[in-house]
Amino acid sequence: MMRRIRFVAGLCLFFCFVSSISVYSQEWIVNPANGHGYMIVTERGWEEAEEYAQSLGAHLVTINNQEENDWIVENILSKSPGGRLWIGLYMDDGKYKWLSGENSTYFNWHDSEPEGDRYVIISNDISTRGRWADTRVNGQYLSIIEIDNPPTLTPIPTISPTFTPTPTASPPYYQPFEGTDLASNQFVSDPPAGFVSGNVRFGAVPEGEGTDGEGMSVDLFPGNGNLIVSLEPVEVDGLAHISGWFKSSTSNVSVALIALNSPIDGQLAYVNLTEAEVPLNDYKRFDLYYAPPSGLLQVAVQVVNSPFSTLSSTVWIDNLVVEPPALEIGEPVTLEVDGTFEEDLDNLIVNMNNVDGNVIPFFESLTDIAVRMSIEPDNMAANIGTIVTGVEDHYPFTLVGEVEAYRETPYNSGGIMAFVMTNAYQNVGLFRKIGELPGLETSFAQFERVIVGGNFTVKNPETPIYVIIQNGGPWRGVYTRD
């Protein structure tokens, strides 16, 4: 089987540079050699991917020869994040067959493949790109689908990097803060724990990029803070791009853009800026990439001024948007400990911050290495970490991280998985309920892809970008049945 990185039963790490994006655009890419159309579609199980393809008059891709495989690598896989994608090959009665019914005898197996498992993926990892592997794991992966006669479609508009108050791409959600108070803007505000609410105002804000001069202002004395949450859930299909324009009068505040899984249940993603990242001279757009487990999210903004601060501050916010992602994926970045966990495990950071859980690398097979993190009732948490390298001269950039997660605990054992990228100036992360990850209730291991991303604008000379994944409490004991 193809190598996987796991954790909780394991997590697969993938990081890349990103600039303006066009991810999974819903348009057919035509292969001039055969006239067929090809498309990447969002994460589904193998059967569900084929059902979706058939609803479009298509099927999971059939690859007939080396030329077609090479074309897919250059024109399809190059537009997708790394990892694995479903193709239409499967095992049936001891033979590999194509869902399209074609009798192609071409295969492009990776070394030591196949192993006789039912489903087949094509790899988009750098070292194995374009090679195939079979797997028993019916995970939530991207898919390549193919249609013989592609219809003429109107492409999804590409978001212009130049901001206009009315976005050109009609996003599912757009909040310009044109109302006169929180209620008329469909927001509520409460102070975070340990803070007193600041003053929230609407109307004139300083002019600059990203605003038309009307927006939201939050006045913060030392010890003031506000968590401002939208009341309007936004339906999204997979990964969403959440953005907003922010400016502060001083750098002593902390400012966060948050996407809450809806109904709000503790699962969320965030970008949090402090110190040198806080925008002072002009507005800065915050960008956050997140796929809410429920398919619904609520946007939130949090601004706080430390009780130990000596300055009052005002933070201005305008034009919050939720829209499909439009990213152009760059080259994967280098990690000090490779996300395959095949090398340099001696450099893996384990149980930082004095947590005391169990972190155990192990071989599931000769080619399948895992890192299991587990906690007992007396443990605080278990975590691992590594460092992003080779990015020192590339600021500013957007960093997108991906993990594949599987749960080996019962569904009611509690706990939260945290996935964070931070250099102390900029924090990008998410929290995911471990009990809602796929796990013991299935007959075999299924993995869920968890993705989060955001901007890194200012290099911290003292702290590189750390990547941290944690299995945290509470631990609730063992699931039993009568």
Protein backbone atom coordinates (compact mmCIF):
# COMPACT_ATOMS: atom_id res chain seq x y z
CA MET A 1 0.00 0.00 0.00
CA MET A 2 1.06 3.59 -0.62
CA ARG A 3 2.79 5.29 2.29
CA ARG A 4 0.55 7.20 4.67
CA ILE A 5 1.36 9.43 7.59
CA ARG A 6 -0.97 8.88 10.47
CA PHE A 7 -1.73 10.12 13.84
CA VAL A 8 -4.40 9.97 16.45
CA ALA A 9 -3.99 6.91 14.48
CA GLY A 10 -1.87 9.37 12.66
CA LEU A 11 -1.83 12.48 10.52
CA CYS A 12 -0.35 13.15 7.11
CA LEU A 13 1.39 16.53 6.81
CA PHE A 14 1.41 18.63 3.65
CA PHE A 15 2.43 22.27 3.40
CA CYS A 16 2.73 24.54 0.41
CA PHE A 17 3.24 28.11 -0.66
CA VAL A 18 0.09 29.67 -1.99
CA SER A 19 -0.62 32.81 -3.94
CA SER A 20 -3.91 33.93 -5.55
CA ILE A 21 -5.77 30.58 -6.05
CA SER A 22 -8.14 28.85 -8.38
CA VAL A 23 -8.82 25.61 -6.49
CA TYR A 24 -10.98 22.81 -7.84
CA SER A 25 -12.61 25.14 -10.40
CA GLN A 26 -15.78 23.55 -11.73
CA GLU A 27 -14.80 23.53 -15.38
CA TRP A 28 -13.65 20.73 -17.65
CA ILE A 29 -10.02 20.72 -18.77
CA VAL A 30 -9.96 19.22 -22.26
CA ASN A 31 -7.23 16.82 -23.34
CA PRO A 32 -6.58 17.61 -27.03
CA ALA A 33 -5.36 14.06 -27.65
CA ASN A 34 -8.78 12.48 -27.05
CA GLY A 35 -11.22 15.39 -26.66
CA HIS A 36 -12.25 14.19 -23.20
CA GLY A 37 -12.82 16.58 -20.30
CA TYR A 38 -11.19 16.12 -16.88
CA MET A 39 -12.04 17.76 -13.56
CA ILE A 40 -10.90 17.60 -9.93
CA VAL A 41 -13.82 17.34 -7.51
CA THR A 42 -13.87 17.82 -3.76
CA GLU A 43 -13.31 15.19 -1.08
CA ARG A 44 -15.57 12.14 -1.12
CA GLY A 45 -15.36 8.42 -0.57
CA TRP A 46 -14.66 6.33 -3.68
CA GLU A 47 -18.26 5.21 -4.29
CA GLU A 48 -19.60 8.69 -3.56
CA ALA A 49 -17.10 10.18 -6.02
CA GLU A 50 -18.31 7.86 -8.76
CA GLU A 51 -21.95 8.66 -7.95
CA TYR A 52 -21.19 12.36 -8.23
CA ALA A 53 -19.33 11.83 -11.50
CA GLN A 54 -22.30 9.90 -12.94
CA SER A 55 -24.63 12.75 -11.96
CA LEU A 56 -22.58 14.89 -14.38
CA GLY A 57 -22.60 12.22 -17.11
CA ALA A 58 -18.99 11.37 -16.27
CA HIS A 59 -17.03 8.67 -14.40
CA LEU A 60 -13.90 8.39 -12.31
CA VAL A 61 -11.01 8.75 -14.72
CA THR A 62 -9.77 5.87 -16.90
CA ILE A 63 -6.07 6.16 -17.83
CA ASN A 64 -5.29 4.25 -21.00
CA ASN A 65 -1.60 4.88 -21.66
CA GLN A 66 1.55 6.67 -20.50
CA GLU A 67 0.77 9.74 -22.62
CA GLU A 68 -2.58 10.23 -20.91
CA ASN A 69 -1.01 9.69 -17.48
CA ASP A 70 1.69 12.28 -18.25
CA TRP A 71 -0.94 14.76 -19.47
CA ILE A 72 -2.92 14.29 -16.23
CA VAL A 73 0.22 14.92 -14.16
CA GLU A 74 0.99 18.15 -16.02
CA ASN A 75 -2.52 19.54 -16.44
CA ILE A 76 -4.58 18.09 -13.57
CA LEU A 77 -2.33 17.12 -10.67
CA SER A 78 -0.40 20.37 -10.99
CA LYS A 79 -3.64 22.20 -10.08
CA SER A 80 -4.27 20.13 -6.96
CA PRO A 81 -2.69 19.98 -3.47
CA GLY A 82 -0.43 17.03 -2.77
CA GLY A 83 -1.70 13.74 -1.49
CA ARG A 84 -3.83 11.19 -3.27
CA LEU A 85 -6.78 11.31 -5.66
CA TRP A 86 -9.27 8.62 -6.62
CA ILE A 87 -9.21 7.14 -10.12
CA GLY A 88 -11.68 4.69 -11.67
CA LEU A 89 -9.65 1.50 -11.23
CA TYR A 90 -10.81 -1.08 -8.69
CA MET A 91 -10.35 -4.72 -7.71
CA ASP A 92 -13.21 -7.11 -8.51
CA ASP A 93 -13.06 -10.93 -8.53
CA GLY A 94 -9.27 -10.88 -8.39
CA LYS A 95 -8.87 -8.50 -11.34
CA TYR A 96 -8.38 -4.77 -11.67
CA LYS A 97 -11.18 -3.21 -13.72
CA TRP A 98 -12.20 0.29 -14.85
CA LEU A 99 -15.55 1.77 -13.82
CA SER A 100 -16.00 3.09 -17.36
CA GLY A 101 -15.99 -0.48 -18.66
CA GLU A 102 -12.91 0.13 -20.80
CA ASN A 103 -10.49 -2.77 -21.16
CA SER A 104 -7.26 -0.80 -20.81
CA THR A 105 -4.26 -2.95 -19.87
CA TYR A 106 -2.04 0.04 -18.98
CA PHE A 107 -0.97 0.40 -15.34
CA ASN A 108 1.47 2.77 -13.64
CA TRP A 109 1.89 1.14 -10.23
CA HIS A 110 4.28 2.50 -7.63
CA ASP A 111 7.06 0.21 -6.41
CA SER A 112 5.72 -2.79 -4.44
CA GLU A 113 2.20 -2.12 -5.75
CA PRO A 114 -0.44 -3.44 -6.14
CA GLU A 115 -1.33 -5.45 -3.05
CA GLY A 116 -4.79 -6.62 -4.07
CA ASP A 117 -6.83 -3.97 -2.27
CA ARG A 118 -10.11 -2.72 -3.68
CA TYR A 119 -9.61 1.00 -4.35
CA VAL A 120 -6.95 2.75 -6.42
CA ILE A 121 -5.46 6.22 -6.06
CA ILE A 122 -3.02 8.28 -8.09
CA SER A 123 -0.34 10.01 -6.04
CA ASN A 124 0.31 13.74 -6.14
CA ASP A 125 3.22 13.69 -3.69
CA ILE A 126 6.43 15.06 -5.21
CA SER A 127 8.43 11.83 -5.01
CA THR A 128 5.64 9.59 -6.40
CA ARG A 129 3.56 11.99 -8.54
CA GLY A 130 1.57 10.14 -11.20
CA ARG A 131 2.19 6.65 -9.74
CA TRP A 132 -0.69 4.45 -8.63
CA ALA A 133 -1.38 2.50 -5.45
CA ASP A 134 -4.24 0.38 -4.20
CA THR A 135 -5.75 0.83 -0.76
CA ARG A 136 -8.38 -0.72 1.45
CA VAL A 137 -9.04 2.71 2.99
CA ASN A 138 -12.14 4.35 1.51
CA GLY A 139 -11.04 7.80 2.68
CA GLN A 140 -12.30 11.27 1.88
CA TYR A 141 -10.03 12.18 -1.05
CA LEU A 142 -10.13 14.45 -4.06
CA SER A 143 -11.04 12.69 -7.29
CA ILE A 144 -10.28 13.03 -10.98
CA ILE A 145 -13.40 12.54 -13.09
CA GLU A 146 -13.60 12.23 -16.88
CA ILE A 147 -16.32 12.90 -19.45
CA ASP A 148 -16.25 11.87 -23.09
CA ASN A 149 -17.99 14.98 -24.44
CA PRO A 150 -17.39 17.90 -22.07
CA PRO A 151 -20.16 20.50 -22.09
CA THR A 152 -19.30 24.13 -22.64
CA LEU A 153 -19.42 25.71 -19.22
CA THR A 154 -19.10 29.26 -18.03
CA PRO A 155 -15.96 29.25 -15.85
CA ILE A 156 -16.24 30.33 -12.25
CA PRO A 157 -15.00 33.93 -12.12
CA THR A 158 -11.54 34.40 -10.65
CA ILE A 159 -11.41 36.81 -7.73
CA SER A 160 -9.37 39.85 -8.61
CA PRO A 161 -6.56 40.49 -6.14
CA THR A 162 -7.51 44.19 -6.29
CA PHE A 163 -10.29 44.79 -3.78
CA THR A 164 -13.54 46.45 -4.72
CA PRO A 165 -16.29 47.04 -2.14
CA THR A 166 -18.64 44.80 -4.15
CA PRO A 167 -16.71 41.58 -4.92
CA THR A 168 -16.77 40.54 -8.53
CA ALA A 169 -17.48 36.90 -7.77
CA SER A 170 -20.82 37.09 -5.87
CA PRO A 171 -19.65 35.25 -2.74
CA PRO A 172 -22.06 33.21 -0.61
CA TYR A 173 -21.59 35.77 2.18
CA TYR A 174 -20.53 39.39 2.11
CA GLN A 175 -20.67 41.78 5.09
CA PRO A 176 -19.73 45.41 4.39
CA PHE A 177 -20.97 46.60 7.85
CA GLU A 178 -23.38 49.11 6.38
CA GLY A 179 -25.86 48.77 9.27
CA THR A 180 -25.92 51.17 12.18
CA ASP A 181 -25.49 48.63 15.00
CA LEU A 182 -24.65 45.00 15.71
CA ALA A 183 -28.22 43.76 15.28
CA SER A 184 -28.71 45.39 11.88
CA ASN A 185 -25.45 43.80 10.73
CA GLN A 186 -26.56 40.36 12.05
CA PHE A 187 -23.82 40.20 14.71
CA VAL A 188 -23.64 39.79 18.47
CA SER A 189 -20.75 40.73 20.77
CA ASP A 190 -19.52 39.43 24.12
CA PRO A 191 -16.23 39.91 25.99
CA PRO A 192 -13.87 36.89 26.03
CA ALA A 193 -13.23 35.39 29.46
CA GLY A 194 -11.19 37.75 31.64
CA PHE A 195 -11.97 40.87 29.58
CA VAL A 196 -14.47 43.73 29.76
CA SER A 197 -16.34 44.58 26.57
CA GLY A 198 -14.99 47.43 24.48
CA ASN A 199 -17.09 49.93 22.55
CA VAL A 200 -18.35 48.71 19.15
CA ARG A 201 -19.33 51.42 16.65
CA PHE A 202 -20.48 51.54 13.03
CA GLY A 203 -20.07 54.29 10.48
CA ALA A 204 -17.03 56.22 9.29
CA VAL A 205 -13.65 54.45 9.43
CA PRO A 206 -10.27 55.64 8.12
CA GLU A 207 -10.01 55.36 4.37
CA GLY A 208 -7.64 52.88 2.77
CA GLU A 209 -7.40 49.73 0.73
CA GLY A 210 -10.21 47.32 1.51
CA THR A 211 -12.81 49.84 2.73
CA ASP A 212 -15.14 52.43 1.24
CA GLY A 213 -14.84 54.54 4.41
CA GLU A 214 -17.78 52.91 6.22
CA GLY A 215 -17.22 49.94 8.53
CA MET A 216 -16.95 48.71 12.13
CA SER A 217 -14.76 50.22 14.88
CA VAL A 218 -13.90 48.67 18.25
CA ASP A 219 -12.46 50.96 20.95
CA LEU A 220 -10.35 49.09 23.49
CA PHE A 221 -9.02 50.37 26.78
CA PRO A 222 -6.48 48.11 28.53
CA GLY A 223 -8.36 45.00 29.67
CA ASN A 224 -11.07 45.39 27.02
CA GLY A 225 -11.91 42.69 24.50
CA ASN A 226 -14.72 41.67 22.15
CA LEU A 227 -15.72 38.46 20.40
CA ILE A 228 -18.08 39.56 17.62
CA VAL A 229 -19.97 36.64 16.02
CA SER A 230 -22.22 36.57 12.96
CA LEU A 231 -25.75 35.25 13.46
CA GLU A 232 -26.02 34.14 9.84
CA PRO A 233 -24.69 30.60 9.10
CA VAL A 234 -23.02 30.30 5.70
CA GLU A 235 -23.31 27.08 3.72
CA VAL A 236 -20.01 26.05 2.11
CA ASP A 237 -18.99 23.10 -0.04
CA GLY A 238 -15.72 21.81 1.38
CA LEU A 239 -12.90 24.30 1.75
CA ALA A 240 -13.92 27.96 2.17
CA HIS A 241 -11.93 31.19 1.95
CA ILE A 242 -12.79 33.63 4.75
CA SER A 243 -11.30 37.13 4.54
CA GLY A 244 -11.64 40.62 5.96
CA TRP A 245 -9.81 43.96 6.09
CA PHE A 246 -8.31 45.12 9.39
CA LYS A 247 -6.36 48.10 10.73
CA SER A 248 -5.32 49.10 14.25
CA SER A 249 -4.23 52.38 15.80
CA THR A 250 -1.55 50.61 17.92
CA SER A 251 0.32 47.30 17.91
CA ASN A 252 -0.47 46.36 21.51
CA VAL A 253 -3.68 44.52 20.55
CA SER A 254 -4.30 41.00 19.32
CA VAL A 255 -6.66 40.64 16.35
CA ALA A 256 -8.20 37.38 15.09
CA LEU A 257 -10.42 36.31 12.21
CA ILE A 258 -12.34 33.17 13.15
CA ALA A 259 -14.57 30.66 11.35
CA LEU A 260 -16.81 28.73 13.75
CA ASN A 261 -18.34 25.40 12.79
CA SER A 262 -22.11 25.93 12.87
CA PRO A 263 -24.06 25.15 15.00
CA ILE A 264 -21.27 26.43 17.23
CA ASP A 265 -19.76 23.45 19.04
CA GLY A 266 -16.13 24.28 19.83
CA GLN A 267 -14.80 23.35 16.39
CA LEU A 268 -13.25 26.30 14.59
CA ALA A 269 -10.35 27.71 12.58
CA TYR A 270 -8.59 31.03 13.09
CA VAL A 271 -5.85 33.44 12.10
CA ASN A 272 -4.55 35.48 15.02
CA LEU A 273 -2.12 38.40 14.56
CA THR A 274 0.02 39.96 17.29
CA GLU A 275 2.96 42.36 17.59
CA ALA A 276 4.68 43.06 14.25
CA GLU A 277 1.86 41.41 12.26
CA VAL A 278 -0.80 43.85 13.50
CA PRO A 279 -1.53 46.28 10.60
CA LEU A 280 -0.94 49.93 11.51
CA ASN A 281 -0.20 52.09 8.46
CA ASP A 282 -2.92 50.71 6.20
CA TYR A 283 -5.52 47.98 6.15
CA LYS A 284 -4.36 44.39 5.77
CA ARG A 285 -6.51 41.59 4.43
CA PHE A 286 -6.66 38.57 6.71
CA ASP A 287 -7.12 35.28 4.83
CA LEU A 288 -8.30 32.03 6.41
CA TYR A 289 -8.92 28.67 4.70
CA TYR A 290 -11.18 26.20 6.51
CA ALA A 291 -13.61 23.35 5.78
CA PRO A 292 -16.24 23.24 8.57
CA PRO A 293 -17.24 19.65 9.44
CA SER A 294 -20.96 20.50 9.31
CA GLY A 295 -20.76 22.33 5.96
CA LEU A 296 -21.91 25.51 7.76
CA LEU A 297 -19.82 28.22 9.37
CA GLN A 298 -20.28 31.47 11.23
CA VAL A 299 -17.74 34.27 10.91
CA ALA A 300 -16.29 35.91 14.02
CA VAL A 301 -13.78 38.61 14.87
CA GLN A 302 -11.93 38.81 18.19
CA VAL A 303 -9.99 41.89 19.34
CA VAL A 304 -8.37 42.19 22.77
CA ASN A 305 -6.16 44.72 24.56
CA SER A 306 -4.15 43.15 27.38
CA PRO A 307 -4.89 44.31 30.94
CA PHE A 308 -1.13 44.93 31.19
CA SER A 309 -1.13 47.29 28.21
CA THR A 310 -0.40 50.96 28.75
CA LEU A 311 -2.23 52.16 25.61
CA SER A 312 -5.79 52.36 24.43
CA SER A 313 -6.44 51.28 20.86
CA THR A 314 -9.06 51.29 18.12
CA VAL A 315 -9.38 48.43 15.61
CA TRP A 316 -11.23 49.01 12.33
CA ILE A 317 -12.80 46.16 10.35
CA ASP A 318 -14.61 46.09 7.03
CA ASN A 319 -15.81 43.80 4.24
CA LEU A 320 -15.88 40.27 5.63
CA VAL A 321 -16.30 37.71 2.85
CA VAL A 322 -16.84 33.95 2.67
CA GLU A 323 -16.29 32.51 -0.80
CA PRO A 324 -14.92 29.47 -2.63
CA PRO A 325 -11.12 29.35 -2.44
CA ALA A 326 -9.19 30.74 -5.37
CA LEU A 327 -5.63 29.56 -4.79
CA GLU A 328 -2.75 28.76 -7.04
CA ILE A 329 -0.80 26.07 -5.26
CA GLY A 330 2.97 26.52 -5.22
CA GLU A 331 5.73 24.10 -4.32
CA PRO A 332 5.45 22.22 -1.02
CA VAL A 333 7.63 23.70 1.67
CA THR A 334 10.27 21.68 3.47
CA LEU A 335 9.73 20.44 7.01
CA GLU A 336 12.59 19.67 9.38
CA VAL A 337 10.90 16.31 9.95
CA ASP A 338 9.35 15.11 6.72
CA GLY A 339 5.59 14.62 6.91
CA THR A 340 6.02 10.99 5.86
CA PHE A 341 7.80 10.36 9.17
CA GLU A 342 10.28 8.21 7.27
CA GLU A 343 13.38 10.23 8.16
CA ASP A 344 14.79 12.36 10.97
CA LEU A 345 12.36 11.21 13.64
CA ASP A 346 15.07 12.06 16.14
CA ASN A 347 14.32 15.72 15.37
CA LEU A 348 10.58 15.36 15.93
CA ILE A 349 9.50 17.67 18.76
CA VAL A 350 7.47 15.60 21.22
CA ASN A 351 5.22 16.79 24.06
CA MET A 352 6.28 20.42 24.09
CA ASN A 353 4.96 22.68 26.87
CA ASN A 354 5.51 19.83 29.34
CA VAL A 355 2.47 17.80 28.31
CA ASP A 356 2.75 14.15 29.19
CA GLY A 357 0.82 11.99 26.73
CA ASN A 358 2.13 9.06 24.70
CA VAL A 359 3.73 9.57 21.27
CA ILE A 360 4.71 6.31 19.57
CA PRO A 361 6.05 5.99 16.00
CA PHE A 362 5.49 2.49 14.61
CA PHE A 363 5.37 0.50 11.38
CA GLU A 364 1.93 -0.59 10.26
CA SER A 365 3.59 -2.32 7.33
CA LEU A 366 7.01 -2.23 5.69
CA THR A 367 6.03 0.93 3.78
CA ASP A 368 3.42 2.46 6.08
CA ILE A 369 4.77 4.41 9.06
CA ALA A 370 2.48 5.93 11.67
CA VAL A 371 2.76 8.15 14.71
CA ARG A 372 0.12 7.38 17.31
CA MET A 373 -0.66 9.99 19.97
CA SER A 374 -2.72 8.84 22.92
CA ILE A 375 -3.64 10.08 26.36
CA GLU A 376 -4.80 8.37 29.52
CA PRO A 377 -7.07 9.91 32.21
CA ASP A 378 -4.08 11.33 34.08
CA ASN A 379 -2.45 12.88 30.98
CA MET A 380 -2.85 16.49 29.92
CA ALA A 381 -2.26 16.01 26.17
CA ALA A 382 0.09 14.54 23.58
CA ASN A 383 1.59 16.55 20.76
CA ILE A 384 4.23 16.53 18.07
CA GLY A 385 5.90 19.40 16.22
CA THR A 386 8.34 20.26 13.50
CA ILE A 387 9.68 23.41 11.84
CA VAL A 388 9.07 24.85 8.37
CA THR A 389 12.43 25.48 6.68
CA GLY A 390 13.57 27.35 3.59
CA VAL A 391 10.96 30.13 3.74
CA GLU A 392 13.07 32.86 5.32
CA ASP A 393 13.40 34.85 2.08
CA HIS A 394 9.84 34.33 0.82
CA TYR A 395 7.71 36.56 3.05
CA PRO A 396 4.88 37.40 2.59
CA PHE A 397 3.15 34.15 1.65
CA THR A 398 0.13 32.05 2.48
CA LEU A 399 0.77 28.70 4.13
CA VAL A 400 -1.75 25.88 3.82
CA GLY A 401 -1.41 22.76 5.95
CA GLU A 402 -3.15 19.43 5.54
CA VAL A 403 -3.41 16.37 7.75
CA GLU A 404 -5.22 13.06 7.44
CA ALA A 405 -6.72 11.97 10.73
CA TYR A 406 -8.16 8.73 12.07
CA ARG A 407 -9.48 8.00 15.55
CA GLU A 408 -8.59 4.84 17.43
CA THR A 409 -10.65 5.81 20.47
CA PRO A 410 -14.42 5.30 20.93
CA TYR A 411 -16.63 8.07 19.63
CA ASN A 412 -17.59 9.26 23.13
CA SER A 413 -14.05 9.40 24.54
CA GLY A 414 -13.94 13.18 24.13
CA GLY A 415 -10.92 15.25 23.33
CA ILE A 416 -9.90 17.87 20.80
CA MET A 417 -7.37 17.69 17.99
CA ALA A 418 -5.48 20.97 17.49
CA PHE A 419 -3.51 21.75 14.33
CA VAL A 420 -1.49 24.98 14.54
CA MET A 421 1.16 26.81 12.49
CA THR A 422 2.81 29.67 14.36
CA ASN A 423 5.86 31.95 14.50
CA ALA A 424 4.51 33.87 17.54
CA TYR A 425 3.58 36.88 15.36
CA GLN A 426 1.03 34.96 13.29
CA ASN A 427 -0.98 31.96 14.46
CA VAL A 428 -3.06 29.84 12.09
CA GLY A 429 -4.91 26.87 13.49
CA LEU A 430 -8.01 24.82 14.00
CA PHE A 431 -9.70 22.71 16.64
CA ARG A 432 -11.48 19.49 15.65
CA LYS A 433 -13.48 17.17 17.90
CA ILE A 434 -11.67 13.84 17.98
CA GLY A 435 -14.94 12.01 18.57
CA GLU A 436 -16.23 13.19 15.18
CA LEU A 437 -13.25 11.90 13.23
CA PRO A 438 -13.76 8.54 11.47
CA GLY A 439 -12.75 5.61 13.61
CA LEU A 440 -13.81 2.42 15.32
CA GLU A 441 -17.39 2.40 14.05
CA THR A 442 -16.19 1.58 10.51
CA SER A 443 -15.09 -1.85 9.41
CA PHE A 444 -11.72 -0.51 8.26
CA ALA A 445 -9.68 2.65 8.69
CA GLN A 446 -10.98 5.76 6.95
CA PHE A 447 -9.10 9.02 7.12
CA GLU A 448 -10.44 12.55 7.10
CA ARG A 449 -8.47 15.32 5.41
CA VAL A 450 -8.22 18.37 7.66
CA ILE A 451 -6.98 21.60 6.04
CA VAL A 452 -6.21 25.05 7.41
CA GLY A 453 -4.33 28.00 5.94
CA GLY A 454 -3.54 31.67 6.41
CA ASN A 455 -1.04 34.43 5.68
CA PHE A 456 2.45 34.90 7.09
CA THR A 457 3.48 38.48 6.34
CA VAL A 458 6.28 39.39 8.77
CA LYS A 459 9.28 37.20 9.55
CA ASN A 460 9.92 36.73 13.26
CA PRO A 461 13.73 36.80 13.66
CA GLU A 462 13.51 34.92 16.93
CA THR A 463 11.00 32.18 16.07
CA PRO A 464 10.62 30.07 12.91
CA ILE A 465 7.26 28.71 11.84
CA TYR A 466 6.37 25.74 14.01
CA VAL A 467 3.84 23.11 12.96
CA ILE A 468 2.14 21.51 15.96
CA ILE A 469 -0.52 18.80 16.17
CA GLN A 470 -2.04 17.88 19.51
CA ASN A 471 -4.38 15.29 20.91
CA GLY A 472 -5.85 16.95 23.99
CA GLY A 473 -8.35 16.16 26.74
CA PRO A 474 -10.81 15.79 28.23
CA TRP A 475 -10.49 12.00 28.42
CA ARG A 476 -13.81 10.37 29.24
CA GLY A 477 -13.01 6.73 29.62
CA VAL A 478 -13.77 3.68 27.55
CA TYR A 479 -16.88 3.16 25.44
CA THR A 480 -18.84 0.06 26.43
CA ARG A 481 -21.96 -1.65 25.14
CA ASP A 482 -24.56 -3.58 27.14
